[in-house]
PDB file of N, CA and C in Angstrom:
ATOM      1  N   UNK A   1      98.222  96.026  80.164  1.00  0.00           N
ATOM      2  CA  UNK A   1      98.583  97.075  79.397  1.00  0.00           C
ATOM      3  C   UNK A   1      98.793  97.215  80.528  1.00  0.00           C
ATOM      4  N   UNK A   2     100.057  98.517  80.763  1.00  0.00           N
ATOM      5  CA  UNK A   2     100.656  99.156  81.923  1.00  0.00           C
ATOM      6  C   UNK A   2     100.386 100.311  82.263  1.00  0.00           C
ATOM      7  N   UNK A   3     101.463 100.378  83.920  1.00  0.00           N
ATOM      8  CA  UNK A   3     100.748 100.874  84.932  1.00  0.00           C
ATOM      9  C   UNK A   3     102.279 101.878  85.591  1.00  0.00           C
ATOM     10  N   UNK A   4     102.068 102.958  86.974  1.00  0.00           N
ATOM     11  CA  UNK A   4     102.380 103.344  87.124  1.00  0.00           C
ATOM     12  C   UNK A   4     103.199 102.880  88.530  1.00  0.00           C
ATOM     13  N   UNK A   5     104.297 103.157  89.111  1.00  0.00           N
ATOM     14  CA  UNK A   5     104.688 102.630  90.304  1.00  0.00           C
ATOM     15  C   UNK A   5     103.730 103.850  90.604  1.00  0.00           C
ATOM     16  N   UNK A   6     103.333 103.461  92.529  1.00  0.00           N
ATOM     17  CA  UNK A   6     103.322 105.340  93.492  1.00  0.00           C
ATOM     18  C   UNK A   6     104.443 106.080  94.008  1.00  0.00           C
ATOM     19  N   UNK A   7     105.422 104.474  94.247  1.00  0.00           N
ATOM     20  CA  UNK A   7     106.947 104.680  94.488  1.00  0.00           C
ATOM     21  C   UNK A   7     107.263 105.559  93.724  1.00  0.00           C
ATOM     22  N   UNK A   8     107.781 104.608  93.572  1.00  0.00           N
ATOM     23  CA  UNK A   8     109.443 105.178  92.429  1.00  0.00           C
ATOM     24  C   UNK A   8     108.914 105.705  90.650  1.00  0.00           C
ATOM     25  N   UNK A   9     107.699 105.732  90.357  1.00  0.00           N
ATOM     26  CA  UNK A   9     106.859 106.683  89.042  1.00  0.00           C
ATOM     27  C   UNK A   9     107.431 105.337  87.753  1.00  0.00           C
ATOM     28  N   UNK A  10     108.133 103.967  88.403  1.00  0.00           N
ATOM     29  CA  UNK A  10     107.620 103.233  86.866  1.00  0.00           C
ATOM     30  C   UNK A  10     107.128 102.431  86.521  1.00  0.00           C
ATOM     31  N   UNK A  11     106.828 102.501  85.478  1.00  0.00           N
ATOM     32  CA  UNK A  11     106.144 101.428  84.215  1.00  0.00           C
ATOM     33  C   UNK A  11     106.341 100.095  84.676  1.00  0.00           C
ATOM     34  N   UNK A  12     105.284  99.694  85.327  1.00  0.00           N
ATOM     35  CA  UNK A  12     105.405  98.273  84.905  1.00  0.00           C
ATOM     36  C   UNK A  12     104.097  97.176  84.631  1.00  0.00           C
ATOM     37  N   UNK A  13     104.047  95.953  84.036  1.00  0.00           N
ATOM     38  CA  UNK A  13     103.191  94.877  83.829  1.00  0.00           C
ATOM     39  C   UNK A  13     101.606  94.116  85.824  1.00  0.00           C
ATOM     40  N   UNK A  14     102.104  93.932  86.120  1.00  0.00           N
ATOM     41  CA  UNK A  14     101.467  92.993  86.596  1.00  0.00           C
ATOM     42  C   UNK A  14     102.955  93.315  88.005  1.00  0.00           C
ATOM     43  N   UNK A  15     101.727  93.973  89.492  1.00  0.00           N
ATOM     44  CA  UNK A  15     102.953  94.137  90.338  1.00  0.00           C
ATOM     45  C   UNK A  15     101.637  93.956  91.521  1.00  0.00           C
ATOM     46  N   UNK A  16     101.950  94.875  92.525  1.00  0.00           N
ATOM     47  CA  UNK A  16     101.734  94.918  94.169  1.00  0.00           C
ATOM     48  C   UNK A  16     100.207  96.264  93.852  1.00  0.00           C
ATOM     49  N   UNK A  17      99.160  95.683  94.731  1.00  0.00           N
ATOM     50  CA  UNK A  17      97.998  96.694  95.110  1.00  0.00           C
ATOM     51  C   UNK A  17      97.663  97.310  95.761  1.00  0.00           C
ATOM     52  N   UNK A  18      97.643  98.116  97.025  1.00  0.00           N
ATOM     53  CA  UNK A  18      97.251  98.077  98.244  1.00  0.00           C
ATOM     54  C   UNK A  18      95.294  98.800  97.358  1.00  0.00           C
ATOM     55  N   UNK A  19      94.756  98.327  99.088  1.00  0.00           N
ATOM     56  CA  UNK A  19      93.378  99.185  98.783  1.00  0.00           C
ATOM     57  C   UNK A  19      93.208 100.671  99.071  1.00  0.00           C
ATOM     58  N   UNK A  20      92.145 100.956  98.907  1.00  0.00           N
ATOM     59  CA  UNK A  20      92.799 103.177  99.185  1.00  0.00           C
ATOM     60  C   UNK A  20      91.666 103.422 100.365  1.00  0.00           C
ATOM     61  N   UNK A  21      91.815 104.423 102.055  1.00  0.00           N
ATOM     62  CA  UNK A  21      92.032 104.023 102.892  1.00  0.00           C
ATOM     63  C   UNK A  21      90.481 104.794 102.461  1.00  0.00           C
ATOM     64  N   UNK A  22      90.361 105.094 102.064  1.00  0.00           N
ATOM     65  CA  UNK A  22      89.381 106.983 101.596  1.00  0.00           C
ATOM     66  C   UNK A  22      88.127 106.115 100.585  1.00  0.00           C
ATOM     67  N   UNK A  23      87.092 106.877 100.468  1.00  0.00           N
ATOM     68  CA  UNK A  23      86.661 107.078  99.513  1.00  0.00           C
ATOM     69  C   UNK A  23      86.627 107.449  97.767  1.00  0.00           C
ATOM     70  N   UNK A  24      87.122 108.289  98.726  1.00  0.00           N
ATOM     71  CA  UNK A  24      87.533 109.427  97.191  1.00  0.00           C
ATOM     72  C   UNK A  24      88.974 108.877  96.444  1.00  0.00           C
ATOM     73  N   UNK A  25      90.342 107.765  97.472  1.00  0.00           N
ATOM     74  CA  UNK A  25      91.360 107.663  96.894  1.00  0.00           C
ATOM     75  C   UNK A  25      90.990 106.914  95.910  1.00  0.00           C
ATOM     76  N   UNK A  26      91.841 106.750  94.598  1.00  0.00           N
ATOM     77  CA  UNK A  26      91.752 105.317  94.197  1.00  0.00           C
ATOM     78  C   UNK A  26      92.885 104.173  94.724  1.00  0.00           C
ATOM     79  N   UNK A  27      93.018 102.949  94.295  1.00  0.00           N
ATOM     80  CA  UNK A  27      93.789 102.292  94.293  1.00  0.00           C
ATOM     81  C   UNK A  27      94.856 102.490  94.164  1.00  0.00           C
ATOM     82  N   UNK A  28      96.045 102.248  95.454  1.00  0.00           N
ATOM     83  CA  UNK A  28      97.279 102.130  94.931  1.00  0.00           C
ATOM     84  C   UNK A  28      98.155 101.259  93.741  1.00  0.00           C
ATOM     85  N   UNK A  29      98.828 101.333  93.045  1.00  0.00           N
ATOM     86  CA  UNK A  29     100.133 100.494  92.599  1.00  0.00           C
ATOM     87  C   UNK A  29     100.837 100.662  92.586  1.00  0.00           C
ATOM     88  N   UNK A  30     102.320  99.131  92.978  1.00  0.00           N
ATOM     89  CA  UNK A  30     103.832  99.189  93.515  1.00  0.00           C
ATOM     90  C   UNK A  30     103.985  98.009  92.773  1.00  0.00           C
ATOM     91  N   UNK A  31     105.665  98.333  91.956  1.00  0.00           N
ATOM     92  CA  UNK A  31     105.381  97.551  90.871  1.00  0.00           C
ATOM     93  C   UNK A  31     106.845  96.141  91.904  1.00  0.00           C
ATOM     94  N   UNK A  32     106.888  96.806  93.184  1.00  0.00           N
ATOM     95  CA  UNK A  32     107.124  95.735  94.581  1.00  0.00           C
ATOM     96  C   UNK A  32     107.275  96.071  95.205  1.00  0.00           C
ATOM     97  N   UNK A  33     107.952  95.068  96.220  1.00  0.00           N
ATOM     98  CA  UNK A  33     106.965  95.082  98.218  1.00  0.00           C
ATOM     99  C   UNK A  33     108.442  96.398  98.078  1.00  0.00           C
ATOM    100  N   UNK A  34     109.293  96.077  97.912  1.00  0.00           N
ATOM    101  CA  UNK A  34     109.996  97.324  98.244  1.00  0.00           C
ATOM    102  C   UNK A  34     109.586  98.328  97.712  1.00  0.00           C
ATOM    103  N   UNK A  35     109.130  98.967  96.687  1.00  0.00           N
ATOM    104  CA  UNK A  35     108.508  99.705  96.495  1.00  0.00           C
ATOM    105  C   UNK A  35     107.285 101.015  96.693  1.00  0.00           C
ATOM    106  N   UNK A  36     106.295  99.240  97.795  1.00  0.00           N
ATOM    107  CA  UNK A  36     105.010  99.388  98.936  1.00  0.00           C
ATOM    108  C   UNK A  36     105.676  99.050 100.427  1.00  0.00           C
ATOM    109  N   UNK A  37     106.893  98.918 100.136  1.00  0.00           N
ATOM    110  CA  UNK A  37     107.414  99.175 101.544  1.00  0.00           C
ATOM    111  C   UNK A  37     108.025 100.522 102.075  1.00  0.00           C
ATOM    112  N   UNK A  38     108.217 101.243 100.888  1.00  0.00           N
ATOM    113  CA  UNK A  38     108.582 102.834 100.910  1.00  0.00           C
ATOM    114  C   UNK A  38     107.921 103.730 101.307  1.00  0.00           C
ATOM    115  N   UNK A  39     106.920 103.612  99.858  1.00  0.00           N
ATOM    116  CA  UNK A  39     105.847 104.622 100.931  1.00  0.00           C
ATOM    117  C   UNK A  39     105.064 104.565 101.800  1.00  0.00           C
ATOM    118  N   UNK A  40     105.335 103.515 102.294  1.00  0.00           N
ATOM    119  CA  UNK A  40     105.069 102.531 103.440  1.00  0.00           C
ATOM    120  C   UNK A  40     105.311 103.692 105.054  1.00  0.00           C
ATOM    121  N   UNK A  41     106.641 103.170 104.453  1.00  0.00           N
ATOM    122  CA  UNK A  41     107.481 104.495 105.182  1.00  0.00           C
ATOM    123  C   UNK A  41     107.218 105.994 104.981  1.00  0.00           C
ATOM    124  N   UNK A  42     107.379 106.682 104.633  1.00  0.00           N
ATOM    125  CA  UNK A  42     107.049 107.243 103.524  1.00  0.00           C
ATOM    126  C   UNK A  42     105.815 108.322 104.606  1.00  0.00           C
ATOM    127  N   UNK A  43     104.891 107.437 104.159  1.00  0.00           N
ATOM    128  CA  UNK A  43     103.515 108.189 104.876  1.00  0.00           C
ATOM    129  C   UNK A  43     103.350 107.877 107.018  1.00  0.00           C
ATOM    130  N   UNK A  44     104.463 106.930 107.028  1.00  0.00           N
ATOM    131  CA  UNK A  44     104.411 107.518 108.797  1.00  0.00           C
ATOM    132  C   UNK A  44     105.216 107.987 109.153  1.00  0.00           C
ATOM    133  N   UNK A  45     106.902 108.582 108.416  1.00  0.00           N
ATOM    134  CA  UNK A  45     107.474 109.482 108.040  1.00  0.00           C
ATOM    135  C   UNK A  45     106.490 110.950 108.797  1.00  0.00           C
ATOM    136  N   UNK A  46     105.294 111.092 107.800  1.00  0.00           N
ATOM    137  CA  UNK A  46     105.099 112.518 107.442  1.00  0.00           C
ATOM    138  C   UNK A  46     103.430 112.484 109.080  1.00  0.00           C
ATOM    139  N   UNK A  47     103.228 111.350 109.154  1.00  0.00           N
ATOM    140  CA  UNK A  47     102.625 110.879 109.788  1.00  0.00           C
ATOM    141  C   UNK A  47     103.171 111.870 111.803  1.00  0.00           C
ATOM    142  N   UNK A  48     104.471 110.076 111.635  1.00  0.00           N
ATOM    143  CA  UNK A  48     105.038 111.042 112.905  1.00  0.00           C
ATOM    144  C   UNK A  48     105.804 112.904 112.961  1.00  0.00           C
ATOM    145  N   UNK A  49     105.649 112.859 111.713  1.00  0.00           N
ATOM    146  CA  UNK A  49     106.582 114.651 112.853  1.00  0.00           C
ATOM    147  C   UNK A  49     105.332 115.511 112.253  1.00  0.00           C
ATOM    148  N   UNK A  50     103.541 115.030 111.662  1.00  0.00           N
ATOM    149  CA  UNK A  50     102.517 116.162 111.470  1.00  0.00           C
ATOM    150  C   UNK A  50     101.956 115.978 112.994  1.00  0.00           C
ATOM    151  N   UNK A  51     101.238 114.402 113.467  1.00  0.00           N
ATOM    152  CA  UNK A  51     100.704 114.198 113.746  1.00  0.00           C
ATOM    153  C   UNK A  51     101.171 112.567 115.056  1.00  0.00           C
ATOM    154  N   UNK A  52     101.688 112.989 116.397  1.00  0.00           N
ATOM    155  CA  UNK A  52     102.798 112.806 117.026  1.00  0.00           C
ATOM    156  C   UNK A  52     101.925 111.655 117.992  1.00  0.00           C
ATOM    157  N   UNK A  53     100.486 111.877 117.999  1.00  0.00           N
ATOM    158  CA  UNK A  53      99.860 111.595 119.074  1.00  0.00           C
ATOM    159  C   UNK A  53      98.894 109.945 118.246  1.00  0.00           C
ATOM    160  N   UNK A  54      98.967 110.200 117.366  1.00  0.00           N
ATOM    161  CA  UNK A  54      97.864 109.791 116.323  1.00  0.00           C
ATOM    162  C   UNK A  54      99.427 108.836 115.922  1.00  0.00           C
ATOM    163  N   UNK A  55     100.158 108.532 115.720  1.00  0.00           N
ATOM    164  CA  UNK A  55     101.504 107.734 115.868  1.00  0.00           C
ATOM    165  C   UNK A  55     101.718 106.439 117.236  1.00  0.00           C
ATOM    166  N   UNK A  56     101.842 107.181 117.597  1.00  0.00           N
ATOM    167  CA  UNK A  56     102.133 106.013 118.766  1.00  0.00           C
ATOM    168  C   UNK A  56     101.407 105.736 118.783  1.00  0.00           C
ATOM    169  N   UNK A  57      99.628 106.419 118.991  1.00  0.00           N
ATOM    170  CA  UNK A  57      98.424 105.003 118.452  1.00  0.00           C
ATOM    171  C   UNK A  57      98.179 103.493 117.885  1.00  0.00           C
ATOM    172  N   UNK A  58      99.407 104.355 116.677  1.00  0.00           N
ATOM    173  CA  UNK A  58      99.213 103.516 115.439  1.00  0.00           C
ATOM    174  C   UNK A  58     100.640 102.234 116.068  1.00  0.00           C
ATOM    175  N   UNK A  59     101.844 102.266 116.522  1.00  0.00           N
ATOM    176  CA  UNK A  59     102.972 101.760 116.637  1.00  0.00           C
ATOM    177  C   UNK A  59     102.385 101.695 117.728  1.00  0.00           C
ATOM    178  N   UNK A  60     101.614 101.492 118.910  1.00  0.00           N
ATOM    179  CA  UNK A  60     100.969 100.874 119.886  1.00  0.00           C
ATOM    180  C   UNK A  60     100.384  99.826 119.209  1.00  0.00           C
ATOM    181  N   UNK A  61      99.450 100.190 118.809  1.00  0.00           N
ATOM    182  CA  UNK A  61      98.672  98.421 118.195  1.00  0.00           C
ATOM    183  C   UNK A  61      99.234  98.236 116.750  1.00  0.00           C
ATOM    184  N   UNK A  62     100.215  98.522 117.178  1.00  0.00           N
ATOM    185  CA  UNK A  62     100.703  97.413 115.542  1.00  0.00           C
ATOM    186  C   UNK A  62     101.410  95.992 116.492  1.00  0.00           C
ATOM    187  N   UNK A  63     101.759  96.956 118.039  1.00  0.00           N
ATOM    188  CA  UNK A  63     102.949  96.279 118.122  1.00  0.00           C
ATOM    189  C   UNK A  63     102.061  94.817 119.447  1.00  0.00           C
ATOM    190  N   UNK A  64     101.362  95.640 119.268  1.00  0.00           N
ATOM    191  CA  UNK A  64      99.792  94.102 120.325  1.00  0.00           C
ATOM    192  C   UNK A  64      99.307  93.553 119.385  1.00  0.00           C
TER     193      UNK A  64
END
């Protein structure tokens, strides 16, 4: 059964998945690590622009 990548929207047979953050979310599927990293960077940019204090908290936690 083929799936569709969350980042590049291409079909693939097997890939990488990321578990949901919230109960109402579905599992996120990616065709490669490159697409997964691109999706995470996109999300971090959105958080940085909309929630700068939370972004600083995330980055500080990631560094430690």
